[in-house]
Amino acid sequence: MKKFGKGFLIGALATAGATVGALFSFKKTVVEPIENQEEKIEENRKRALRKQRSSHLQ
């Protein structure tokens, strides 16, 4: 019974580690590029708005 407990604990830890690794890699490959693209779009909108306001002042 002792071996079963050790094996179960090691298996549970390995499964948890694999899950955390999969979530981390998903975040790095999918979520962060989308967030970076949204930040770039927002920065371009701000720039365009500043240019638009500046051109109407003259």
C-alpha atoms as a PDB file:
ATOM      1  CA  MET A   1       0.000   0.000   0.000  1.00  0.00           C
ATOM      2  CA  LYS A   2       2.979   2.291   0.600  1.00  0.00           C
ATOM      3  CA  LYS A   3       4.071   2.102  -3.039  1.00  0.00           C
ATOM      4  CA  PHE A   4       0.581   2.944  -4.202  1.00  0.00           C
ATOM      5  CA  GLY A   5       0.533   6.117  -2.116  1.00  0.00           C
ATOM      6  CA  LYS A   6       3.915   7.261  -3.404  1.00  0.00           C
ATOM      7  CA  GLY A   7       2.949   6.482  -6.976  1.00  0.00           C
ATOM      8  CA  PHE A   8      -0.351   8.282  -6.632  1.00  0.00           C
ATOM      9  CA  LEU A   9       1.338  11.363  -5.144  1.00  0.00           C
ATOM     10  CA  ILE A  10       4.015  11.455  -7.841  1.00  0.00           C
ATOM     11  CA  GLY A  11       1.397  10.972 -10.550  1.00  0.00           C
ATOM     12  CA  ALA A  12      -0.766  13.764  -9.141  1.00  0.00           C
ATOM     13  CA  LEU A  13       2.219  16.120  -8.984  1.00  0.00           C
ATOM     14  CA  ALA A  14       3.261  15.241 -12.525  1.00  0.00           C
ATOM     15  CA  THR A  15      -0.271  15.841 -13.799  1.00  0.00           C
ATOM     16  CA  ALA A  16      -0.461  19.173 -12.001  1.00  0.00           C
ATOM     17  CA  GLY A  17       2.925  20.178 -13.427  1.00  0.00           C
ATOM     18  CA  ALA A  18       1.900  19.228 -16.937  1.00  0.00           C
ATOM     19  CA  THR A  19      -1.320  21.217 -16.588  1.00  0.00           C
ATOM     20  CA  VAL A  20       0.517  24.310 -15.361  1.00  0.00           C
ATOM     21  CA  GLY A  21       3.026  23.975 -18.193  1.00  0.00           C
ATOM     22  CA  ALA A  22       0.276  23.673 -20.790  1.00  0.00           C
ATOM     23  CA  LEU A  23      -1.535  26.736 -19.447  1.00  0.00           C
ATOM     24  CA  PHE A  24       1.677  28.762 -19.379  1.00  0.00           C
ATOM     25  CA  SER A  25       2.569  27.834 -22.955  1.00  0.00           C
ATOM     26  CA  PHE A  26      -0.994  28.633 -24.107  1.00  0.00           C
ATOM     27  CA  LYS A  27      -0.737  32.052 -22.499  1.00  0.00           C
ATOM     28  CA  LYS A  28       2.629  32.716 -24.153  1.00  0.00           C
ATOM     29  CA  THR A  29       1.607  31.582 -27.632  1.00  0.00           C
ATOM     30  CA  VAL A  30      -2.022  32.744 -27.813  1.00  0.00           C
ATOM     31  CA  VAL A  31      -2.967  35.313 -25.194  1.00  0.00           C
ATOM     32  CA  GLU A  32       0.096  37.567 -25.113  1.00  0.00           C
ATOM     33  CA  PRO A  33       0.294  38.139 -28.908  1.00  0.00           C
ATOM     34  CA  ILE A  34      -3.377  39.165 -28.907  1.00  0.00           C
ATOM     35  CA  GLU A  35      -2.800  41.561 -26.007  1.00  0.00           C
ATOM     36  CA  ASN A  36       0.263  43.034 -27.733  1.00  0.00           C
ATOM     37  CA  GLN A  37      -1.715  43.581 -30.933  1.00  0.00           C
ATOM     38  CA  GLU A  38      -4.494  45.323 -28.988  1.00  0.00           C
ATOM     39  CA  GLU A  39      -1.936  47.603 -27.322  1.00  0.00           C
ATOM     40  CA  LYS A  40      -0.467  48.538 -30.721  1.00  0.00           C
ATOM     41  CA  ILE A  41      -3.919  49.305 -32.110  1.00  0.00           C
ATOM     42  CA  GLU A  42      -4.751  51.465 -29.098  1.00  0.00           C
ATOM     43  CA  GLU A  43      -1.459  53.360 -29.416  1.00  0.00           C
ATOM     44  CA  ASN A  44      -2.145  53.991 -33.131  1.00  0.00           C
ATOM     45  CA  ARG A  45      -5.616  55.319 -32.278  1.00  0.00           C
ATOM     46  CA  LYS A  46      -4.133  57.703 -29.726  1.00  0.00           C
ATOM     47  CA  ARG A  47      -1.543  58.910 -32.250  1.00  0.00           C
ATOM     48  CA  ALA A  48      -4.165  59.447 -34.927  1.00  0.00           C
ATOM     49  CA  LEU A  49      -6.361  61.381 -32.517  1.00  0.00           C
ATOM     50  CA  ARG A  50      -3.434  63.629 -31.500  1.00  0.00           C
ATOM     51  CA  LYS A  51      -2.594  64.278 -35.150  1.00  0.00           C
ATOM     52  CA  GLN A  52      -6.218  65.027 -35.955  1.00  0.00           C
ATOM     53  CA  ARG A  53      -6.536  67.518 -33.085  1.00  0.00           C
ATOM     54  CA  SER A  54      -3.208  69.114 -33.956  1.00  0.00           C
ATOM     55  CA  SER A  55      -4.145  69.637 -37.590  1.00  0.00           C
ATOM     56  CA  HIS A  56      -7.414  71.376 -36.649  1.00  0.00           C
ATOM     57  CA  LEU A  57      -5.658  73.864 -34.391  1.00  0.00           C
ATOM     58  CA  GLN A  58      -3.751  75.523 -37.212  1.00  0.00           C
END
